[in-house]
Amino acid sequence: MRNDQKDAKILELLKKNARIRNVDIAKEVELTEGAVRARIERMLNDGAILQFTIKSSEVNQQHAVIMAKAKHNTKKMMIEISKSNIADEAYEISGDFDAFLVISGATIDEIDKKIDKLRELKDVTDTRTYISLKKW
């Protein structure tokens, strides 16, 4: 089954609050709780939902932007990166590099360890790292 408007609304609600109860989602999208649960399970199995997560306050958070090249297949690299949970955000892009990633951590050392893990992925062939100095 393809994602429809109700799936899009479910995803929107989950993005705003990953802890929202299925019952509350059901009221918003006018479905039963069981139907919402089944749709969420299907979207997890189909890869439309990769993970449920929280976003913590950014006090003392460090950030880096990583440009990455795929060894052979960009789609395979993006799936590998997504499954690794290294990047906070991952975008497939056009140009000299195949991916634009945002990585954050409490310290530069934590970011460095994540970058090392990224470089160990079998489908990643080259990276360029840019450390954020200040958020405006």
N, C-alpha and C. Protein backbone atom coordinates (compact mmCIF):
# COMPACT_ATOMS: atom_id res chain seq x y z
N MET A 1 0.85 -1.19 0.00
CA MET A 1 0.00 0.00 0.00
C MET A 1 0.89 1.24 0.00
N ARG A 2 0.54 2.19 -0.82
CA ARG A 2 1.32 3.43 -0.91
C ARG A 2 0.90 4.39 0.18
N ASN A 3 1.80 5.28 0.54
CA ASN A 3 1.48 6.30 1.52
C ASN A 3 0.46 7.26 0.93
N ASP A 4 -0.57 7.58 1.72
CA ASP A 4 -1.61 8.50 1.28
C ASP A 4 -1.66 9.71 2.22
N GLN A 5 -2.71 10.51 2.11
CA GLN A 5 -2.83 11.72 2.93
C GLN A 5 -2.89 11.40 4.43
N LYS A 6 -3.53 10.30 4.78
CA LYS A 6 -3.61 9.93 6.20
C LYS A 6 -2.23 9.54 6.72
N ASP A 7 -1.46 8.80 5.90
CA ASP A 7 -0.09 8.46 6.29
C ASP A 7 0.74 9.73 6.46
N ALA A 8 0.57 10.67 5.54
CA ALA A 8 1.32 11.93 5.62
C ALA A 8 0.98 12.67 6.91
N LYS A 9 -0.29 12.67 7.30
CA LYS A 9 -0.71 13.34 8.54
C LYS A 9 -0.13 12.60 9.76
N ILE A 10 -0.14 11.27 9.71
CA ILE A 10 0.44 10.48 10.80
C ILE A 10 1.92 10.82 10.95
N LEU A 11 2.65 10.86 9.84
CA LEU A 11 4.07 11.21 9.88
C LEU A 11 4.29 12.61 10.43
N GLU A 12 3.45 13.54 10.02
CA GLU A 12 3.56 14.91 10.51
C GLU A 12 3.37 14.97 12.02
N LEU A 13 2.38 14.26 12.53
CA LEU A 13 2.12 14.23 13.98
C LEU A 13 3.28 13.57 14.73
N LEU A 14 3.83 12.50 14.18
CA LEU A 14 4.96 11.82 14.83
C LEU A 14 6.22 12.67 14.81
N LYS A 15 6.41 13.45 13.75
CA LYS A 15 7.57 14.34 13.69
C LYS A 15 7.48 15.42 14.76
N LYS A 16 6.27 15.89 15.01
CA LYS A 16 6.08 16.92 16.04
C LYS A 16 6.25 16.35 17.43
N ASN A 17 5.80 15.10 17.62
CA ASN A 17 5.86 14.46 18.94
C ASN A 17 5.92 12.95 18.75
N ALA A 18 7.13 12.39 18.82
CA ALA A 18 7.30 10.95 18.61
C ALA A 18 6.63 10.11 19.69
N ARG A 19 6.25 10.76 20.80
CA ARG A 19 5.61 10.03 21.90
C ARG A 19 4.09 10.12 21.89
N ILE A 20 3.53 10.74 20.85
CA ILE A 20 2.07 10.87 20.78
C ILE A 20 1.43 9.49 20.78
N ARG A 21 0.34 9.38 21.48
CA ARG A 21 -0.35 8.08 21.57
C ARG A 21 -1.11 7.80 20.28
N ASN A 22 -1.18 6.52 19.92
CA ASN A 22 -1.91 6.12 18.72
C ASN A 22 -3.37 6.56 18.78
N VAL A 23 -3.93 6.53 19.96
CA VAL A 23 -5.33 6.95 20.15
C VAL A 23 -5.50 8.42 19.77
N ASP A 24 -4.53 9.25 20.14
CA ASP A 24 -4.60 10.68 19.81
C ASP A 24 -4.39 10.90 18.31
N ILE A 25 -3.52 10.11 17.71
CA ILE A 25 -3.33 10.19 16.26
C ILE A 25 -4.63 9.80 15.56
N ALA A 26 -5.25 8.72 16.04
CA ALA A 26 -6.48 8.23 15.44
C ALA A 26 -7.56 9.31 15.41
N LYS A 27 -7.69 10.06 16.48
CA LYS A 27 -8.68 11.15 16.52
C LYS A 27 -8.37 12.20 15.46
N GLU A 28 -7.08 12.52 15.31
CA GLU A 28 -6.67 13.56 14.36
C GLU A 28 -6.90 13.15 12.90
N VAL A 29 -6.68 11.88 12.60
CA VAL A 29 -6.76 11.42 11.20
C VAL A 29 -8.06 10.67 10.90
N GLU A 30 -8.92 10.59 11.91
CA GLU A 30 -10.23 9.95 11.75
C GLU A 30 -10.13 8.49 11.32
N LEU A 31 -9.30 7.75 12.07
CA LEU A 31 -9.17 6.31 11.90
C LEU A 31 -9.28 5.66 13.27
N THR A 32 -9.37 4.35 13.30
CA THR A 32 -9.34 3.64 14.58
C THR A 32 -7.90 3.56 15.06
N GLU A 33 -7.72 3.31 16.34
CA GLU A 33 -6.39 3.14 16.90
C GLU A 33 -5.68 1.97 16.23
N GLY A 34 -6.41 0.89 15.98
CA GLY A 34 -5.82 -0.29 15.32
C GLY A 34 -5.35 0.02 13.91
N ALA A 35 -6.11 0.83 13.19
CA ALA A 35 -5.72 1.21 11.83
C ALA A 35 -4.46 2.07 11.86
N VAL A 36 -4.37 2.97 12.83
CA VAL A 36 -3.17 3.80 12.98
C VAL A 36 -1.98 2.92 13.30
N ARG A 37 -2.14 2.00 14.24
CA ARG A 37 -1.05 1.09 14.61
C ARG A 37 -0.57 0.30 13.39
N ALA A 38 -1.52 -0.21 12.58
CA ALA A 38 -1.17 -0.98 11.38
C ALA A 38 -0.43 -0.12 10.36
N ARG A 39 -0.88 1.12 10.19
CA ARG A 39 -0.21 2.02 9.24
C ARG A 39 1.21 2.35 9.71
N ILE A 40 1.38 2.60 10.99
CA ILE A 40 2.72 2.89 11.52
C ILE A 40 3.62 1.67 11.33
N GLU A 41 3.12 0.49 11.60
CA GLU A 41 3.90 -0.74 11.42
C GLU A 41 4.29 -0.92 9.96
N ARG A 42 3.35 -0.66 9.04
CA ARG A 42 3.65 -0.78 7.61
C ARG A 42 4.72 0.23 7.20
N MET A 43 4.59 1.48 7.70
CA MET A 43 5.58 2.50 7.35
C MET A 43 6.96 2.17 7.92
N LEU A 44 7.01 1.51 9.08
CA LEU A 44 8.29 1.04 9.62
C LEU A 44 8.88 -0.04 8.72
N ASN A 45 8.04 -0.99 8.31
CA ASN A 45 8.51 -2.08 7.45
C ASN A 45 8.93 -1.60 6.07
N ASP A 46 8.23 -0.58 5.54
CA ASP A 46 8.53 -0.03 4.22
C ASP A 46 9.70 0.93 4.22
N GLY A 47 10.15 1.34 5.42
CA GLY A 47 11.25 2.29 5.50
C GLY A 47 10.83 3.75 5.45
N ALA A 48 9.52 4.02 5.44
CA ALA A 48 9.05 5.42 5.47
C ALA A 48 9.36 6.03 6.84
N ILE A 49 9.33 5.20 7.89
CA ILE A 49 9.75 5.62 9.23
C ILE A 49 11.00 4.82 9.54
N LEU A 50 12.11 5.54 9.79
CA LEU A 50 13.37 4.86 10.08
C LEU A 50 13.58 4.64 11.57
N GLN A 51 13.14 5.61 12.38
CA GLN A 51 13.31 5.50 13.83
C GLN A 51 12.45 6.52 14.54
N PHE A 52 12.20 6.26 15.79
CA PHE A 52 11.56 7.22 16.67
C PHE A 52 12.66 7.78 17.55
N THR A 53 12.68 9.07 17.71
CA THR A 53 13.79 9.69 18.44
C THR A 53 13.32 10.92 19.19
N ILE A 54 14.21 11.45 19.97
CA ILE A 54 13.94 12.72 20.65
C ILE A 54 14.96 13.73 20.18
N LYS A 55 14.65 14.97 20.36
CA LYS A 55 15.60 16.03 20.07
C LYS A 55 15.83 16.76 21.37
N SER A 56 17.06 16.70 21.85
CA SER A 56 17.38 17.33 23.13
C SER A 56 17.74 18.80 22.91
N SER A 57 17.80 19.53 24.00
CA SER A 57 18.18 20.93 23.88
C SER A 57 19.60 21.00 23.34
N GLU A 58 19.88 22.07 22.65
CA GLU A 58 21.18 22.18 21.99
C GLU A 58 22.20 22.93 22.83
N VAL A 59 21.98 23.00 24.13
CA VAL A 59 22.95 23.64 25.00
C VAL A 59 24.26 22.86 24.91
N ASN A 60 25.32 23.55 24.59
CA ASN A 60 26.66 22.97 24.48
C ASN A 60 26.78 21.88 23.42
N GLN A 61 25.88 21.86 22.44
CA GLN A 61 25.99 20.89 21.35
C GLN A 61 26.96 21.42 20.31
N GLN A 62 27.77 20.55 19.77
CA GLN A 62 28.67 20.84 18.67
C GLN A 62 28.06 20.23 17.41
N HIS A 63 28.31 20.85 16.26
CA HIS A 63 27.73 20.36 15.01
C HIS A 63 28.79 20.31 13.93
N ALA A 64 28.60 19.37 13.02
CA ALA A 64 29.47 19.27 11.85
C ALA A 64 28.61 18.95 10.63
N VAL A 65 29.03 19.45 9.49
CA VAL A 65 28.42 19.11 8.22
C VAL A 65 29.42 18.23 7.49
N ILE A 66 28.95 17.12 6.99
CA ILE A 66 29.81 16.17 6.29
C ILE A 66 29.28 16.01 4.87
N MET A 67 30.17 16.14 3.92
CA MET A 67 29.85 15.83 2.53
C MET A 67 30.44 14.44 2.28
N ALA A 68 29.65 13.56 1.67
CA ALA A 68 30.11 12.18 1.46
C ALA A 68 29.89 11.74 0.02
N LYS A 69 30.80 10.91 -0.46
CA LYS A 69 30.69 10.31 -1.79
C LYS A 69 30.42 8.82 -1.64
N ALA A 70 29.59 8.31 -2.53
CA ALA A 70 29.29 6.88 -2.55
C ALA A 70 30.35 6.13 -3.33
N LYS A 71 30.65 4.91 -2.86
CA LYS A 71 31.62 4.08 -3.57
C LYS A 71 31.09 3.72 -4.95
N HIS A 72 29.84 3.24 -5.01
CA HIS A 72 29.25 2.86 -6.29
C HIS A 72 27.81 3.34 -6.40
N ASN A 73 26.99 3.01 -5.41
CA ASN A 73 25.56 3.25 -5.48
C ASN A 73 25.12 4.21 -4.37
N THR A 74 24.64 5.37 -4.75
CA THR A 74 24.25 6.38 -3.77
C THR A 74 23.11 5.90 -2.87
N LYS A 75 22.12 5.24 -3.46
CA LYS A 75 20.98 4.76 -2.67
C LYS A 75 21.44 3.79 -1.58
N LYS A 76 22.33 2.87 -1.94
CA LYS A 76 22.86 1.91 -0.96
C LYS A 76 23.60 2.64 0.15
N MET A 77 24.39 3.66 -0.22
CA MET A 77 25.12 4.42 0.79
C MET A 77 24.16 5.13 1.73
N MET A 78 23.11 5.74 1.18
CA MET A 78 22.16 6.48 2.01
C MET A 78 21.43 5.55 2.97
N ILE A 79 21.09 4.37 2.51
CA ILE A 79 20.44 3.38 3.39
C ILE A 79 21.40 2.97 4.50
N GLU A 80 22.65 2.70 4.14
CA GLU A 80 23.66 2.32 5.13
C GLU A 80 23.86 3.43 6.16
N ILE A 81 23.92 4.67 5.72
CA ILE A 81 24.08 5.80 6.64
C ILE A 81 22.86 5.92 7.55
N SER A 82 21.67 5.82 6.97
CA SER A 82 20.44 5.92 7.77
C SER A 82 20.37 4.84 8.84
N LYS A 83 20.72 3.63 8.47
CA LYS A 83 20.67 2.51 9.43
C LYS A 83 21.74 2.63 10.52
N SER A 84 22.82 3.34 10.23
CA SER A 84 23.91 3.47 11.20
C SER A 84 23.58 4.42 12.35
N ASN A 85 22.60 5.29 12.15
CA ASN A 85 22.21 6.30 13.15
C ASN A 85 23.36 7.23 13.53
N ILE A 86 24.30 7.43 12.64
CA ILE A 86 25.42 8.33 12.89
C ILE A 86 24.99 9.78 12.70
N ALA A 87 24.25 10.03 11.62
CA ALA A 87 23.87 11.40 11.26
C ALA A 87 22.52 11.77 11.85
N ASP A 88 22.40 13.04 12.28
CA ASP A 88 21.11 13.56 12.73
C ASP A 88 20.20 13.82 11.54
N GLU A 89 20.81 14.23 10.44
CA GLU A 89 20.08 14.48 9.20
C GLU A 89 20.95 13.98 8.06
N ALA A 90 20.32 13.41 7.04
CA ALA A 90 21.05 12.90 5.88
C ALA A 90 20.25 13.22 4.62
N TYR A 91 20.91 13.87 3.67
CA TYR A 91 20.26 14.28 2.42
C TYR A 91 21.06 13.76 1.24
N GLU A 92 20.38 13.17 0.27
CA GLU A 92 21.01 12.83 -1.00
C GLU A 92 21.03 14.11 -1.82
N ILE A 93 22.17 14.42 -2.42
CA ILE A 93 22.30 15.67 -3.16
C ILE A 93 22.93 15.44 -4.53
N SER A 94 22.90 16.47 -5.35
CA SER A 94 23.60 16.42 -6.64
C SER A 94 24.87 17.25 -6.52
N GLY A 95 25.79 17.03 -7.44
CA GLY A 95 27.03 17.80 -7.43
C GLY A 95 28.23 16.89 -7.24
N ASP A 96 29.31 17.46 -6.72
CA ASP A 96 30.56 16.71 -6.55
C ASP A 96 30.44 15.62 -5.49
N PHE A 97 29.53 15.80 -4.52
CA PHE A 97 29.31 14.81 -3.47
C PHE A 97 27.89 14.26 -3.59
N ASP A 98 27.66 13.10 -2.99
CA ASP A 98 26.37 12.43 -3.09
C ASP A 98 25.47 12.65 -1.88
N ALA A 99 26.08 13.07 -0.76
CA ALA A 99 25.29 13.22 0.47
C ALA A 99 25.76 14.42 1.27
N PHE A 100 24.81 15.00 1.96
CA PHE A 100 25.03 16.11 2.88
C PHE A 100 24.51 15.62 4.22
N LEU A 101 25.37 15.55 5.23
CA LEU A 101 24.99 15.00 6.54
C LEU A 101 25.22 16.04 7.62
N VAL A 102 24.36 16.02 8.63
CA VAL A 102 24.55 16.85 9.82
C VAL A 102 24.76 15.90 10.98
N ILE A 103 25.86 16.11 11.69
CA ILE A 103 26.21 15.29 12.85
C ILE A 103 26.38 16.22 14.04
N SER A 104 25.88 15.80 15.19
CA SER A 104 26.06 16.61 16.39
C SER A 104 26.54 15.74 17.54
N GLY A 105 27.11 16.42 18.53
CA GLY A 105 27.60 15.72 19.71
C GLY A 105 27.92 16.72 20.81
N ALA A 106 28.10 16.22 22.00
CA ALA A 106 28.38 17.08 23.14
C ALA A 106 29.78 17.69 23.05
N THR A 107 30.68 17.00 22.35
CA THR A 107 32.06 17.48 22.21
C THR A 107 32.54 17.23 20.78
N ILE A 108 33.60 17.90 20.40
CA ILE A 108 34.23 17.66 19.10
C ILE A 108 34.75 16.22 19.04
N ASP A 109 35.22 15.70 20.15
CA ASP A 109 35.71 14.32 20.19
C ASP A 109 34.57 13.34 19.87
N GLU A 110 33.38 13.60 20.38
CA GLU A 110 32.22 12.74 20.09
C GLU A 110 31.88 12.80 18.60
N ILE A 111 31.93 13.99 18.02
CA ILE A 111 31.68 14.14 16.59
C ILE A 111 32.76 13.40 15.80
N ASP A 112 34.01 13.52 16.22
CA ASP A 112 35.13 12.85 15.54
C ASP A 112 34.93 11.34 15.52
N LYS A 113 34.45 10.79 16.63
CA LYS A 113 34.20 9.34 16.68
C LYS A 113 33.10 8.94 15.70
N LYS A 114 32.06 9.78 15.58
CA LYS A 114 30.98 9.50 14.64
C LYS A 114 31.49 9.57 13.20
N ILE A 115 32.36 10.54 12.93
CA ILE A 115 32.93 10.66 11.59
C ILE A 115 33.79 9.43 11.27
N ASP A 116 34.55 8.95 12.24
CA ASP A 116 35.34 7.72 12.04
C ASP A 116 34.43 6.55 11.70
N LYS A 117 33.31 6.42 12.40
CA LYS A 117 32.35 5.34 12.11
C LYS A 117 31.76 5.50 10.71
N LEU A 118 31.46 6.75 10.32
CA LEU A 118 30.93 7.01 8.99
C LEU A 118 31.93 6.56 7.93
N ARG A 119 33.19 6.88 8.12
CA ARG A 119 34.23 6.53 7.15
C ARG A 119 34.48 5.03 7.07
N GLU A 120 34.08 4.29 8.09
CA GLU A 120 34.22 2.84 8.09
C GLU A 120 33.11 2.14 7.31
N LEU A 121 32.03 2.84 7.00
CA LEU A 121 30.92 2.23 6.26
C LEU A 121 31.41 1.81 4.88
N LYS A 122 30.98 0.63 4.44
CA LYS A 122 31.53 0.06 3.20
C LYS A 122 31.13 0.83 1.94
N ASP A 123 30.01 1.57 1.97
CA ASP A 123 29.57 2.28 0.77
C ASP A 123 30.02 3.73 0.72
N VAL A 124 30.75 4.20 1.74
CA VAL A 124 31.26 5.57 1.77
C VAL A 124 32.71 5.56 1.30
N THR A 125 33.01 6.39 0.30
CA THR A 125 34.37 6.39 -0.25
C THR A 125 35.16 7.65 0.08
N ASP A 126 34.49 8.79 0.26
CA ASP A 126 35.22 10.04 0.51
C ASP A 126 34.33 10.96 1.34
N THR A 127 34.94 11.74 2.21
CA THR A 127 34.18 12.70 3.01
C THR A 127 34.92 14.04 3.10
N ARG A 128 34.17 15.07 3.33
CA ARG A 128 34.70 16.40 3.66
C ARG A 128 33.94 16.87 4.89
N THR A 129 34.64 17.35 5.89
CA THR A 129 34.03 17.73 7.16
C THR A 129 34.16 19.23 7.39
N TYR A 130 33.07 19.82 7.83
CA TYR A 130 33.03 21.24 8.17
C TYR A 130 32.44 21.37 9.57
N ILE A 131 33.19 21.93 10.49
CA ILE A 131 32.76 22.09 11.88
C ILE A 131 32.03 23.43 12.02
N SER A 132 30.89 23.41 12.65
CA SER A 132 30.12 24.63 12.88
C SER A 132 30.78 25.43 14.01
N LEU A 133 30.91 26.72 13.80
CA LEU A 133 31.49 27.59 14.81
C LEU A 133 30.44 28.28 15.67
N LYS A 134 29.31 28.65 15.04
CA LYS A 134 28.29 29.40 15.75
C LYS A 134 26.95 29.27 15.04
N LYS A 135 25.88 29.10 15.80
CA LYS A 135 24.54 29.02 15.23
C LYS A 135 23.90 30.40 15.31
N TRP A 136 23.34 30.85 14.21
CA TRP A 136 22.70 32.16 14.17
C TRP A 136 21.20 32.02 14.15
